[in-house]
Amino acid sequence: MPALLFAVAIFLGSSIPGPEMPKLVLSVPDKILHVCEYSLFAFLICRAVKNQNHMQGIARFAIIFTILCASAYAASDEFHQSFVPGRTMDVFDWLADTIGAFIGAGVGTWMYKNSKP
């Protein structure tokens, strides 16, 4: 559920027209925000996948599944932004999102492996 709620939050944040973006968001470098946002998103996806007992096949490949899901969602989010006034679709934003997905999936996998007794 946290990953799904975070996906909704990403969508809602991407729906804010460019001129209406909060000043705090505009003061942080854009690509840093993308990396952080998708690191957390991927971490939540990885956590959800690893905690599913009935998805053992996917759980075995959680890091790959997580990166693919987060990166695909990032691509769809960039496409969505092309319809929002003052926002644009940017392949470099998608790349930053995908880098964040690698980081979040890696951290999630590492934490899962190191938390087992």
N, C-alpha and C. Protein backbone atom coordinates (compact mmCIF):
# COMPACT_ATOMS: atom_id res chain seq x y z
N MET A 1 0.81 -1.20 0.00
CA MET A 1 0.00 0.00 0.00
C MET A 1 0.86 1.28 0.00
N PRO A 2 1.98 1.34 0.75
CA PRO A 2 2.79 2.56 0.72
C PRO A 2 3.31 2.89 -0.69
N ALA A 3 3.73 1.88 -1.45
CA ALA A 3 4.23 2.14 -2.80
C ALA A 3 3.12 2.69 -3.69
N LEU A 4 1.93 2.15 -3.55
CA LEU A 4 0.80 2.64 -4.35
C LEU A 4 0.45 4.08 -3.98
N LEU A 5 0.43 4.38 -2.69
CA LEU A 5 0.15 5.75 -2.24
C LEU A 5 1.22 6.72 -2.72
N PHE A 6 2.46 6.26 -2.72
CA PHE A 6 3.55 7.12 -3.19
C PHE A 6 3.42 7.36 -4.70
N ALA A 7 2.99 6.35 -5.45
CA ALA A 7 2.76 6.51 -6.89
C ALA A 7 1.68 7.57 -7.13
N VAL A 8 0.64 7.55 -6.33
CA VAL A 8 -0.42 8.56 -6.44
C VAL A 8 0.15 9.95 -6.12
N ALA A 9 0.99 10.03 -5.10
CA ALA A 9 1.60 11.32 -4.73
C ALA A 9 2.49 11.84 -5.87
N ILE A 10 3.23 10.96 -6.52
CA ILE A 10 4.05 11.37 -7.66
C ILE A 10 3.16 11.92 -8.77
N PHE A 11 2.08 11.21 -9.06
CA PHE A 11 1.16 11.64 -10.12
C PHE A 11 0.57 13.02 -9.78
N LEU A 12 0.14 13.19 -8.55
CA LEU A 12 -0.45 14.47 -8.14
C LEU A 12 0.58 15.60 -8.20
N GLY A 13 1.80 15.32 -7.76
CA GLY A 13 2.85 16.32 -7.83
C GLY A 13 3.19 16.70 -9.26
N SER A 14 3.14 15.72 -10.15
CA SER A 14 3.42 15.97 -11.56
C SER A 14 2.28 16.72 -12.25
N SER A 15 1.14 16.76 -11.63
CA SER A 15 -0.02 17.45 -12.20
C SER A 15 -0.04 18.94 -11.88
N ILE A 16 0.88 19.39 -11.03
CA ILE A 16 0.93 20.81 -10.67
C ILE A 16 1.54 21.57 -11.85
N PRO A 17 0.84 22.57 -12.37
CA PRO A 17 1.41 23.36 -13.48
C PRO A 17 2.72 24.02 -13.07
N GLY A 18 3.63 24.17 -14.03
CA GLY A 18 4.95 24.72 -13.78
C GLY A 18 4.99 25.99 -12.95
N PRO A 19 4.20 27.02 -13.31
CA PRO A 19 4.26 28.28 -12.55
C PRO A 19 3.77 28.15 -11.11
N GLU A 20 3.05 27.10 -10.79
CA GLU A 20 2.49 26.94 -9.45
C GLU A 20 3.33 26.04 -8.54
N MET A 21 4.51 25.62 -9.01
CA MET A 21 5.36 24.75 -8.20
C MET A 21 5.79 25.49 -6.94
N PRO A 22 5.78 24.82 -5.78
CA PRO A 22 6.22 25.46 -4.54
C PRO A 22 7.67 25.95 -4.64
N LYS A 23 7.97 27.06 -4.01
CA LYS A 23 9.31 27.65 -4.09
C LYS A 23 10.38 26.72 -3.52
N LEU A 24 10.07 25.96 -2.47
CA LEU A 24 11.02 25.03 -1.89
C LEU A 24 11.48 24.02 -2.93
N VAL A 25 10.54 23.51 -3.70
CA VAL A 25 10.86 22.52 -4.74
C VAL A 25 11.77 23.15 -5.79
N LEU A 26 11.52 24.40 -6.13
CA LEU A 26 12.30 25.06 -7.17
C LEU A 26 13.72 25.41 -6.71
N SER A 27 13.96 25.43 -5.39
CA SER A 27 15.29 25.79 -4.89
C SER A 27 16.25 24.60 -4.86
N VAL A 28 15.74 23.39 -4.98
CA VAL A 28 16.57 22.19 -4.98
C VAL A 28 16.80 21.78 -6.44
N PRO A 29 18.04 21.40 -6.80
CA PRO A 29 18.28 20.99 -8.18
C PRO A 29 17.31 19.88 -8.63
N ASP A 30 16.74 20.08 -9.78
CA ASP A 30 15.71 19.21 -10.34
C ASP A 30 16.11 17.73 -10.34
N LYS A 31 17.30 17.43 -10.81
CA LYS A 31 17.71 16.02 -10.94
C LYS A 31 17.89 15.38 -9.57
N ILE A 32 18.31 16.14 -8.57
CA ILE A 32 18.44 15.62 -7.20
C ILE A 32 17.06 15.20 -6.69
N LEU A 33 16.06 16.04 -6.94
CA LEU A 33 14.69 15.70 -6.53
C LEU A 33 14.23 14.41 -7.20
N HIS A 34 14.51 14.28 -8.47
CA HIS A 34 14.10 13.07 -9.20
C HIS A 34 14.77 11.82 -8.62
N VAL A 35 16.06 11.89 -8.37
CA VAL A 35 16.78 10.75 -7.82
C VAL A 35 16.22 10.37 -6.44
N CYS A 36 16.02 11.36 -5.59
CA CYS A 36 15.49 11.09 -4.24
C CYS A 36 14.08 10.53 -4.29
N GLU A 37 13.24 11.13 -5.10
CA GLU A 37 11.85 10.70 -5.22
C GLU A 37 11.75 9.24 -5.67
N TYR A 38 12.49 8.88 -6.69
CA TYR A 38 12.41 7.52 -7.21
C TYR A 38 13.23 6.53 -6.42
N SER A 39 14.20 6.99 -5.63
CA SER A 39 14.88 6.09 -4.70
C SER A 39 13.89 5.60 -3.65
N LEU A 40 13.13 6.53 -3.11
CA LEU A 40 12.12 6.16 -2.11
C LEU A 40 11.03 5.29 -2.74
N PHE A 41 10.58 5.66 -3.92
CA PHE A 41 9.55 4.88 -4.60
C PHE A 41 10.02 3.45 -4.84
N ALA A 42 11.23 3.29 -5.36
CA ALA A 42 11.76 1.95 -5.63
C ALA A 42 11.96 1.17 -4.33
N PHE A 43 12.41 1.84 -3.30
CA PHE A 43 12.56 1.17 -2.00
C PHE A 43 11.22 0.61 -1.54
N LEU A 44 10.16 1.40 -1.68
CA LEU A 44 8.83 0.95 -1.27
C LEU A 44 8.33 -0.22 -2.13
N ILE A 45 8.60 -0.16 -3.42
CA ILE A 45 8.21 -1.28 -4.30
C ILE A 45 8.98 -2.53 -3.91
N CYS A 46 10.28 -2.41 -3.71
CA CYS A 46 11.11 -3.56 -3.35
C CYS A 46 10.65 -4.17 -2.03
N ARG A 47 10.36 -3.33 -1.08
CA ARG A 47 9.86 -3.80 0.22
C ARG A 47 8.56 -4.57 0.06
N ALA A 48 7.66 -4.04 -0.77
CA ALA A 48 6.37 -4.70 -0.99
C ALA A 48 6.57 -6.06 -1.66
N VAL A 49 7.43 -6.11 -2.65
CA VAL A 49 7.66 -7.37 -3.37
C VAL A 49 8.32 -8.40 -2.47
N LYS A 50 9.31 -7.98 -1.72
CA LYS A 50 10.02 -8.92 -0.83
C LYS A 50 9.12 -9.47 0.28
N ASN A 51 8.10 -8.72 0.69
CA ASN A 51 7.22 -9.15 1.78
C ASN A 51 6.02 -9.97 1.31
N GLN A 52 5.94 -10.27 0.04
CA GLN A 52 4.81 -11.05 -0.49
C GLN A 52 5.18 -12.53 -0.54
N ASN A 53 4.54 -13.32 0.28
CA ASN A 53 4.82 -14.76 0.31
C ASN A 53 4.30 -15.48 -0.93
N HIS A 54 3.23 -14.97 -1.52
CA HIS A 54 2.63 -15.65 -2.67
C HIS A 54 3.27 -15.23 -4.00
N MET A 55 4.30 -14.40 -3.94
CA MET A 55 4.98 -13.95 -5.16
C MET A 55 6.46 -14.34 -5.11
N GLN A 56 6.76 -15.56 -4.71
CA GLN A 56 8.15 -15.98 -4.54
C GLN A 56 8.97 -15.87 -5.82
N GLY A 57 8.36 -16.16 -6.97
CA GLY A 57 9.08 -16.05 -8.23
C GLY A 57 9.53 -14.63 -8.50
N ILE A 58 8.65 -13.68 -8.26
CA ILE A 58 8.99 -12.27 -8.45
C ILE A 58 9.94 -11.81 -7.34
N ALA A 59 9.72 -12.27 -6.12
CA ALA A 59 10.56 -11.85 -4.99
C ALA A 59 12.02 -12.23 -5.22
N ARG A 60 12.25 -13.34 -5.90
CA ARG A 60 13.61 -13.77 -6.20
C ARG A 60 14.33 -12.76 -7.09
N PHE A 61 13.57 -12.11 -7.94
CA PHE A 61 14.13 -11.11 -8.86
C PHE A 61 13.63 -9.70 -8.51
N ALA A 62 13.48 -9.46 -7.23
CA ALA A 62 12.89 -8.21 -6.76
C ALA A 62 13.64 -6.98 -7.24
N ILE A 63 14.95 -7.03 -7.27
CA ILE A 63 15.71 -5.85 -7.66
C ILE A 63 15.45 -5.49 -9.13
N ILE A 64 15.40 -6.49 -10.00
CA ILE A 64 15.14 -6.25 -11.42
C ILE A 64 13.69 -5.81 -11.62
N PHE A 65 12.77 -6.51 -10.97
CA PHE A 65 11.35 -6.18 -11.07
C PHE A 65 11.11 -4.74 -10.60
N THR A 66 11.73 -4.38 -9.48
CA THR A 66 11.57 -3.04 -8.91
C THR A 66 12.09 -1.96 -9.86
N ILE A 67 13.28 -2.16 -10.39
CA ILE A 67 13.86 -1.17 -11.30
C ILE A 67 12.99 -1.01 -12.55
N LEU A 68 12.53 -2.13 -13.10
CA LEU A 68 11.68 -2.07 -14.30
C LEU A 68 10.36 -1.35 -14.01
N CYS A 69 9.74 -1.67 -12.89
CA CYS A 69 8.46 -1.02 -12.53
C CYS A 69 8.64 0.48 -12.30
N ALA A 70 9.64 0.85 -11.52
CA ALA A 70 9.86 2.26 -11.21
C ALA A 70 10.25 3.04 -12.46
N SER A 71 11.09 2.46 -13.29
CA SER A 71 11.51 3.14 -14.52
C SER A 71 10.35 3.30 -15.49
N ALA A 72 9.52 2.27 -15.61
CA ALA A 72 8.33 2.36 -16.49
C ALA A 72 7.36 3.41 -15.96
N TYR A 73 7.19 3.45 -14.64
CA TYR A 73 6.30 4.47 -14.07
C TYR A 73 6.87 5.86 -14.31
N ALA A 74 8.19 6.00 -14.21
CA ALA A 74 8.84 7.29 -14.47
C ALA A 74 8.61 7.73 -15.91
N ALA A 75 8.70 6.80 -16.85
CA ALA A 75 8.46 7.13 -18.26
C ALA A 75 7.01 7.59 -18.45
N SER A 76 6.08 6.89 -17.82
CA SER A 76 4.67 7.28 -17.95
C SER A 76 4.42 8.63 -17.28
N ASP A 77 5.14 8.90 -16.20
CA ASP A 77 5.00 10.19 -15.52
C ASP A 77 5.54 11.33 -16.38
N GLU A 78 6.65 11.09 -17.05
CA GLU A 78 7.19 12.12 -17.95
C GLU A 78 6.21 12.38 -19.10
N PHE A 79 5.61 11.32 -19.63
CA PHE A 79 4.62 11.49 -20.69
C PHE A 79 3.43 12.30 -20.17
N HIS A 80 2.98 11.96 -18.97
CA HIS A 80 1.87 12.69 -18.34
C HIS A 80 2.19 14.17 -18.22
N GLN A 81 3.42 14.50 -17.86
CA GLN A 81 3.80 15.90 -17.68
C GLN A 81 3.74 16.69 -18.99
N SER A 82 3.83 16.00 -20.11
CA SER A 82 3.78 16.72 -21.39
C SER A 82 2.40 17.35 -21.63
N PHE A 83 1.41 16.93 -20.85
CA PHE A 83 0.06 17.48 -20.97
C PHE A 83 -0.25 18.54 -19.91
N VAL A 84 0.69 18.77 -18.99
CA VAL A 84 0.48 19.72 -17.88
C VAL A 84 1.07 21.07 -18.29
N PRO A 85 0.29 22.15 -18.18
CA PRO A 85 0.78 23.48 -18.55
C PRO A 85 2.06 23.85 -17.80
N GLY A 86 3.05 24.33 -18.53
CA GLY A 86 4.30 24.76 -17.92
C GLY A 86 5.25 23.62 -17.58
N ARG A 87 4.89 22.40 -17.90
CA ARG A 87 5.74 21.23 -17.64
C ARG A 87 6.09 20.58 -18.97
N THR A 88 7.19 19.86 -18.99
CA THR A 88 7.61 19.19 -20.22
C THR A 88 8.06 17.77 -19.93
N MET A 89 8.08 16.98 -20.98
CA MET A 89 8.63 15.63 -20.91
C MET A 89 10.13 15.76 -21.13
N ASP A 90 10.93 15.14 -20.27
CA ASP A 90 12.39 15.29 -20.35
C ASP A 90 13.05 13.94 -20.13
N VAL A 91 13.80 13.47 -21.12
CA VAL A 91 14.47 12.18 -21.02
C VAL A 91 15.51 12.18 -19.90
N PHE A 92 16.10 13.34 -19.61
CA PHE A 92 17.09 13.40 -18.53
C PHE A 92 16.43 13.29 -17.15
N ASP A 93 15.20 13.76 -17.03
CA ASP A 93 14.44 13.52 -15.80
C ASP A 93 14.18 12.03 -15.63
N TRP A 94 13.81 11.36 -16.73
CA TRP A 94 13.58 9.92 -16.68
C TRP A 94 14.86 9.18 -16.30
N LEU A 95 15.99 9.61 -16.84
CA LEU A 95 17.27 8.98 -16.48
C LEU A 95 17.57 9.17 -14.99
N ALA A 96 17.31 10.36 -14.47
CA ALA A 96 17.51 10.62 -13.04
C ALA A 96 16.57 9.74 -12.21
N ASP A 97 15.34 9.59 -12.67
CA ASP A 97 14.38 8.72 -11.99
C ASP A 97 14.88 7.27 -11.97
N THR A 98 15.41 6.82 -13.10
CA THR A 98 15.90 5.45 -13.21
C THR A 98 17.13 5.23 -12.34
N ILE A 99 18.00 6.22 -12.26
CA ILE A 99 19.14 6.13 -11.34
C ILE A 99 18.63 6.01 -9.91
N GLY A 100 17.63 6.80 -9.56
CA GLY A 100 17.01 6.69 -8.25
C GLY A 100 16.42 5.31 -8.01
N ALA A 101 15.82 4.73 -9.05
CA ALA A 101 15.24 3.38 -8.93
C ALA A 101 16.33 2.35 -8.63
N PHE A 102 17.48 2.48 -9.29
CA PHE A 102 18.61 1.58 -9.00
C PHE A 102 19.04 1.71 -7.54
N ILE A 103 19.15 2.94 -7.07
CA ILE A 103 19.58 3.17 -5.69
C ILE A 103 18.57 2.60 -4.70
N GLY A 104 17.29 2.93 -4.89
CA GLY A 104 16.25 2.45 -3.97
C GLY A 104 16.12 0.94 -3.96
N ALA A 105 16.20 0.33 -5.15
CA ALA A 105 16.10 -1.13 -5.23
C ALA A 105 17.32 -1.79 -4.58
N GLY A 106 18.49 -1.19 -4.78
CA GLY A 106 19.69 -1.73 -4.15
C GLY A 106 19.65 -1.65 -2.64
N VAL A 107 19.23 -0.49 -2.14
CA VAL A 107 19.13 -0.31 -0.69
C VAL A 107 18.07 -1.25 -0.11
N GLY A 108 16.93 -1.35 -0.79
CA GLY A 108 15.86 -2.23 -0.32
C GLY A 108 16.30 -3.69 -0.26
N THR A 109 17.00 -4.13 -1.30
CA THR A 109 17.49 -5.52 -1.33
C THR A 109 18.54 -5.74 -0.25
N TRP A 110 19.46 -4.80 -0.12
CA TRP A 110 20.50 -4.92 0.90
C TRP A 110 19.89 -4.97 2.30
N MET A 111 18.92 -4.09 2.58
CA MET A 111 18.30 -4.08 3.91
C MET A 111 17.53 -5.36 4.16
N TYR A 112 16.86 -5.89 3.16
CA TYR A 112 16.12 -7.14 3.33
C TYR A 112 17.06 -8.30 3.65
N LYS A 113 18.16 -8.38 2.92
CA LYS A 113 19.12 -9.47 3.15
C LYS A 113 19.77 -9.36 4.52
N ASN A 114 20.05 -8.15 4.97
CA ASN A 114 20.73 -7.95 6.25
C ASN A 114 19.80 -7.94 7.45
N SER A 115 18.48 -7.98 7.22
CA SER A 115 17.56 -7.98 8.35
C SER A 115 17.10 -9.40 8.70
N LYS A 116 17.45 -10.37 7.88
CA LYS A 116 17.06 -11.75 8.16
C LYS A 116 17.96 -12.33 9.25
N PRO A 117 17.34 -13.06 10.19
CA PRO A 117 18.14 -13.65 11.29
C PRO A 117 19.05 -14.76 10.84
